[in-house]
Amino acid sequence: MELDINEQDPEDMDLTDIVLEYDDVVSAISVLEKRREELRTRILDVLAEKDIDVLRIGNVELRRQKVEWKLWRINRLKSYLMKKDLWDIVESVDRRILSRLIEKGILTEEELKGTYDIETRYSLHVSRV
């Protein structure tokens, strides 16, 4: 069903304001997320260049945290998991499911070596102190 608000009663016109405000909010979020990513990249570049993990400016504290991401090699991983009858559980490479299988001891890091590459990434946490 499609609805053109211009054909509605004046009573329903408050929906127009809501829809237009929603559009404004969605647009603003998009602009802010883009700017946040630009700032995040610039901050992480400076922190990496100066080898800083914690930066305090006034009551703002930034923490750079190193995280190692596994970049799974699907062909190798799928064939290995199929041999162990585990592919039906995973079905696609889902880091959370694979991490749970490792945590539960169903799979081990050792036996999965060669099915992923490691990429170092950094997360940035901000807090007020």
Protein backbone atom coordinates (compact mmCIF):
# COMPACT_ATOMS: atom_id res chain seq x y z
CA MET A 1 0.00 0.00 0.00
CA GLU A 2 1.22 3.48 -0.83
CA LEU A 3 0.00 6.67 0.77
CA ASP A 4 0.39 10.21 -0.54
CA ILE A 5 -0.01 12.44 2.49
CA ASN A 6 -1.05 15.38 0.30
CA GLU A 7 -4.37 13.62 -0.31
CA GLN A 8 -5.17 13.28 3.40
CA ASP A 9 -7.30 15.29 5.77
CA PRO A 10 -5.70 18.21 7.62
CA GLU A 11 -6.02 16.12 10.83
CA ASP A 12 -3.43 13.71 9.43
CA MET A 13 -1.02 16.45 8.45
CA ASP A 14 0.95 16.09 11.68
CA LEU A 15 2.20 12.86 10.11
CA THR A 16 3.76 15.06 7.42
CA ASP A 17 5.79 16.90 10.03
CA ILE A 18 6.87 13.62 11.60
CA VAL A 19 7.94 12.13 8.27
CA LEU A 20 9.83 15.28 7.28
CA GLU A 21 11.54 15.45 10.67
CA TYR A 22 12.43 11.75 10.38
CA ASP A 23 14.00 12.46 6.98
CA ASP A 24 15.98 15.34 8.52
CA VAL A 25 17.19 13.13 11.38
CA VAL A 26 18.23 10.31 9.04
CA SER A 27 20.14 12.80 6.87
CA ALA A 28 21.81 14.39 9.89
CA ILE A 29 22.84 10.99 11.26
CA SER A 30 24.39 10.12 7.91
CA VAL A 31 26.38 13.37 7.87
CA LEU A 32 27.46 12.91 11.50
CA GLU A 33 28.52 9.29 10.97
CA LYS A 34 30.65 10.33 7.99
CA ARG A 35 32.26 13.09 10.03
CA ARG A 36 32.79 10.76 13.00
CA GLU A 37 34.63 8.30 10.74
CA GLU A 38 36.82 11.10 9.35
CA LEU A 39 37.70 12.27 12.87
CA ARG A 40 38.23 8.69 14.09
CA THR A 41 40.65 7.99 11.25
CA ARG A 42 42.59 11.19 11.88
CA ILE A 43 42.79 10.54 15.63
CA LEU A 44 43.89 6.92 15.16
CA ASP A 45 46.55 8.03 12.65
CA VAL A 46 47.99 10.55 15.13
CA LEU A 47 47.85 8.07 18.04
CA ALA A 48 49.62 5.43 15.95
CA GLU A 49 52.23 7.90 14.74
CA LYS A 50 53.00 8.99 18.31
CA ASP A 51 52.49 5.49 19.77
CA ILE A 52 49.86 6.70 22.24
CA ASP A 53 47.18 4.38 23.63
CA VAL A 54 45.51 6.73 26.12
CA LEU A 55 45.04 10.45 25.52
CA ARG A 56 43.39 12.81 28.00
CA ILE A 57 42.32 16.31 27.05
CA GLY A 58 40.40 18.05 29.80
CA ASN A 59 37.77 15.63 31.00
CA VAL A 60 37.79 13.61 27.75
CA GLU A 61 39.74 10.38 27.59
CA LEU A 62 40.42 8.46 24.39
CA ARG A 63 41.62 4.87 24.51
CA ARG A 64 43.06 3.15 21.47
CA GLN A 65 42.60 -0.59 21.76
CA LYS A 66 44.31 -3.10 19.51
CA VAL A 67 42.05 -5.85 18.18
CA GLU A 68 43.15 -8.73 15.98
CA TRP A 69 40.55 -9.74 13.41
CA LYS A 70 40.57 -13.13 11.78
CA LEU A 71 40.01 -12.88 8.06
CA TRP A 72 38.69 -16.37 7.36
CA ARG A 73 39.71 -18.18 4.19
CA ILE A 74 36.33 -19.61 3.31
CA ASN A 75 37.49 -22.40 0.99
CA ARG A 76 39.90 -23.86 3.53
CA LEU A 77 37.59 -23.35 6.47
CA LYS A 78 34.51 -24.80 4.78
CA SER A 79 36.23 -27.99 3.71
CA TYR A 80 37.71 -28.44 7.19
CA LEU A 81 34.39 -27.84 8.94
CA MET A 82 32.58 -30.17 6.52
CA LYS A 83 34.98 -32.97 7.51
CA LYS A 84 34.03 -32.34 11.16
CA ASP A 85 30.29 -32.12 10.32
CA LEU A 86 30.19 -28.54 11.60
CA TRP A 87 29.53 -26.58 8.40
CA ASP A 88 25.74 -26.85 8.89
CA ILE A 89 26.14 -24.95 12.16
CA VAL A 90 28.27 -22.23 10.62
CA GLU A 91 26.88 -22.13 7.03
CA SER A 92 28.78 -18.94 6.37
CA VAL A 93 31.73 -17.33 8.05
CA ASP A 94 30.33 -15.77 11.19
CA ARG A 95 33.04 -14.65 13.61
CA ARG A 96 30.71 -14.91 16.61
CA ILE A 97 29.68 -18.51 15.89
CA LEU A 98 33.27 -19.54 15.24
CA SER A 99 34.41 -17.80 18.43
CA ARG A 100 31.72 -19.65 20.41
CA LEU A 101 32.81 -23.00 18.93
CA ILE A 102 36.38 -22.23 20.01
CA GLU A 103 35.27 -21.06 23.48
CA LYS A 104 33.27 -24.28 23.97
CA GLY A 105 36.26 -26.39 22.93
CA ILE A 106 34.50 -27.86 19.88
CA LEU A 107 37.22 -26.30 17.72
CA THR A 108 40.70 -25.15 18.70
CA GLU A 109 42.82 -22.27 17.47
CA GLU A 110 45.56 -24.77 16.64
CA GLU A 111 43.44 -26.90 14.32
CA LEU A 112 42.11 -23.81 12.53
CA LYS A 113 45.55 -22.38 11.74
CA GLY A 114 45.84 -21.76 8.03
CA THR A 115 42.12 -21.07 7.62
CA TYR A 116 42.44 -17.37 8.42
CA ASP A 117 44.78 -14.40 8.24
CA ILE A 118 45.13 -11.88 11.06
CA GLU A 119 44.48 -8.20 10.48
CA THR A 120 45.25 -5.74 13.27
CA ARG A 121 42.60 -3.11 13.75
CA TYR A 122 42.11 -0.48 16.41
CA SER A 123 38.96 0.54 18.19
CA LEU A 124 38.63 3.96 19.76
CA HIS A 125 36.77 4.43 23.05
CA VAL A 126 35.88 7.83 24.42
CA SER A 127 34.76 8.57 27.96
CA ARG A 128 34.37 11.49 30.32
CA VAL A 129 36.66 11.37 33.35
